[in-house]
Amino acid sequence: MASKKWMAFETTSNNNVTTTTINNEIVNDEVTMAKRAAEWGLELVPAGEGDPSSSTSNVVIRTSGDVNRSKNSSDRETVLTRFSDDSSTRTSGNFPRVSQELKEALGSLQQTFVVSDATKPDCPIVYASSGFFTMTGYSSKEVIGRNCRFLQGPETDQDEVEKIRQAVKNGTSYCGRLYNYKKDGTPFWNLLTVTPIRDDHGRVIKFIGMQVEVSKFTEGIIEKSLRPNGLPQSLIRYDARQKEAALGSIVEVVQTVKKPRSQPVTSNDAEKKETVPKLDLSSLLPKSAEIYDLGTPGGPLTPGRLSTPGRLSTPGRLTPAARDADKDSRKSARISLFGFKGRSSAKHERQPSLEPEFLAPKDIDPADIWDPAEREQNMRQGIDLATTLERIEKNFVITDPRLPDNPIIFASDSFLELTEYTREEILGRNCRFLQGPETDQATVQKIRDAIKEQRDITVQLINYTKSGKKFWNLFHLQPMRDHKGELQYFIGVQLDGSDHVEPLRNRLSERTEQQSAIVVKATAENVDEAVRELPDANLKPEDLWAIHSVPVNPRPHKRGSSSWSAIQKITASGEKIVLDHFKPIKPLGCGDTGSVHLVELKGSGELFAMKAMDKSMMLNRNKVHRACIEREIISMLDHPFLPTLYASFQTSTHVCLITDFCAGGELFALLDKQPLKIFKEDSARFYAAEVVIGLEYLHCLGIIYRDLKPENILLQKDGHVVLTDFDLSFLTSCKPHIIKPPQLKKRRSRSQPPPLFVAEPATPSNSFVGTEEYIAPEVITGARHTSAIDWWALGVLLYEMLYGRTPFRGKNRQKTFANILHKDLTFPSSIPVSLSARQLIYALLSRDPATRLGSQGGANEIKEHPFFRGINWPLIRCMDPPPLEAPLQLIRKDSHTKEIKWDDDGVLATPMDLF
């Protein structure tokens, strides 16, 4: 019976709805009953007590004062039902509902979810959100006390049901897509996330099941369609995107169930509700503002057009023009789960002028302070919510002419809205489904000819939506070629011009057509650029990982190290480095697609870190190009504060990178070991300075790091830092230039500063990646971001080192993003921090990337800040790190541990539970 819980029982179908019989049992053990009631914050009132005429037991709310109150108190509020074997009371009794306190807390959430009792047979539902009733069409009486299997039907995949069954049996989490049915028999794709809630003894007492209808956006059964090369036909695996969103959304539900009292609504919150936009949880795909300004009023500024009225004239001081600009009123923006959009996403709220009152320490609301245990449990995984391609908000599709009938392999969200079709109905089909009775076949023939001749074309023709509504479509077709000049894809951009049709000519006016053609052609160019970030979908699987089999050559600065010497003893004879050359010592960590192991090169005694990434997981989670970019980036690095790549290779299931082993572990762990979870300023200054130098080097190579956080800063055995994990980084060209300071009045003044060398990545990106607490505002809003996002992250890092928490962290991802866009930066008064440190943090955390410290002069601006006065930048690598209250403890090889082998079960596995 243990395995047949939650949604995982054998089912009997009737009118597409599976029914079940709830057995009503008399509960005689009042000790058990009282214990169960207490778990929900309730109190059991024995039969006859409180109401002598009652022959049944009641459950009432237990308040904080109930412990010392008389059991006969007359002011108890009966909230639950009788325990009885009377079948007529089945839907209202038998199963305890949630406490009023928890019910009110859960009722404030926007997610669609149910809570079930894991201690009861069949895991009955004890709470369902209003969204669940709306989505499924069932009433409370039809849901409470039942198992969720009633949503199953004839086409529900039983393999997925079995996965749920096993997750419930083992008390683990599950996230997957099911074909479910509403009460009226309407089928829908349901993204279900199940996670257990445990008591203090580790026993599973509840399950949360969160549902999201994803019928509009999922690829559905097309997910299983493969190309001749065995790779997915769809360019993007949308389930991965939706699961990433679900994991971010369910956190709030879990926190509320665990600690309903931790969700208070203060007067402060009430005020914020008036200014912070309501979160839209209905969207499941990335939304963003337009990438380029095509001349529309209020459109986003393009790189090069950014004005800098708030530019810092000196560190910690704004120009008079900036002070005036900062008085402008703030404008709220509409926020969705993946994107916060306003009229212009590239224009961020101005921060208040940098006056002393804004830097003054303030008392922090206790509701904003996280419990240390909660901090320890929270794994701040990097998120990859969207590529640049997915964030282009235009109507377009991408087709692959190398496949039969030139099918659609990518369709934008905007295209789905325009045509009314779901993604499942579009992927794998030719665009001709938009044609109808009045579609001009001569124009269609022109498009066919252009496809045959592999050239671009812009035409206008009548098309039809799914409901039969016709619209004038200004259509632009553009071929995309690979680096060899061979045809790779076709890009088709649509623009609805129905509002601009001239009645007499029955077509768009010439002026409208000319202006619209500029827009669709610009969109096609943006799509062409964005899709090149992804691997060619027509590559053979072995070609995807080819870069990992390329030999690695030593870089100049570490050529003579003992690590390289040991590696070269093997490669000198022409032998290739493979997995069997290394002996596994111990796991160092794991993520959603791979794991990191401490390994020893056999026969040498040299220790390395090996990052192993699962090929199938990366394919399913749109991370193939991320893994390849990381391999390319690490092979370029030659710097004391960045990792060295010694070898890379692949097995049948994994790709592996061999890099430096950093015996000091993560900076996050060191910070957490400090008595107050903070560093003194000397230590924070030292680590921040080395991070600045590391970022400066990366930017010179054209690399935007994009995932700076304490977990990605490793410590060498001498205490110096190493920035690691480049799978979310962006690689482009570099744009070096010299900035000459203005000439002083005296011709030969010795105080004349030297010219500054600045080299920053040249091309901006628009991917939605990073770690949520460290993500810059322009990443959230969808404006194209530059290396300035790394300087924002530096500000967050410095804040966390000095204050023990990040400045904008919320109770969930949506609240964190809202805080990043809207919340004022405050400095806790309980922790003394120097004015120069607060000034630096404030300058780095400017919401406008154009005014952010480091955005114009790169690392030079930051190095010159008074906070870093006294740092000997050229020789910092020779410094001894400042002493810590809890000193650095090195990770060492344990000679007494059991020897493990690569073929042992689970050595390369990547277990990744939700919570």
Foldseek 3Di string as FASTA:
>chain_A
DLLCAFQQHDFDDDLFFTDDDFQADADDPVVVVQVLLVLQQKGKQQACALPVVGRFIFIFHDDPPNVPDDSNDNPTDTDADTRDNPPVCQLGHRDAAHHPLLQVLVQVDDFWKFKFFLVDPRRATRDTYPVVCVVQVDDSSVHGRHHPNRFGGDPWDSVLSSVVSVCSSVQFKDWDWTFTAHPNGDTFIKTWIKHFDADPVRHTGMIMITIATCRQEALPPLQPPADPLRARLAQAHLSLLQRLLVLQRCLLVNVCSVPVVLDDCDPVNVVVPVVEADEAANDRAAEFFAADDLPDPLEEHDPVRDDCQQADPAQLATDPSLQVVLVDDDDYFHHYSQFTADSYLQDFHFFHGRDVVLLDFDADDPSPDDDLVVVVPDDQDWDFNFFLLQHHQFFKFKFWPVDPPRATNDTHPNVCVVQVHGSNVRGPHHPCQFDDDFWDVVVVVVVVVCVVVQAKDWDWTWTAHPVGDIFIWGKIKHFAADPVRHTQIIMIGTDGPRVQADVVVRHHDPVVSVSVVVVRVVSVVSNNVRCVLADRSPDNLVVLCVLLQDAADDDPPCCPPLVLVLLCVQPVVVHADDPVQKFFFAWDAFDQFFTKTWIARPPRRDIWIKIKGFPVSCSSNVQSSLVVVQSVLQSPDDDPQAKHWNHWDADPTITMTTIHDAFLAFQQVVLSPAPQSAFDLLQLLLQLLLVQVVLQVCFQQQKQQQADDRNQWGAHPLGHTYGDDRSVMDHAHKDKDKAADDDDPDNDDPPRDGIAIHIGRDDFTQTLIYRLLLAASSNNNRHTDTSLSVLSSSLQRSLCNQPVHGFQDDSGSSSSNSSLRDNRGHHHPVGDDDSLNSSSSVQSSGNNSSNRQCSPRHSVSVCPRPSNPPDPSVCSVVDRRDQGPDGRDTHDRDPPDDGDDPPPPPPTDRDDGSD
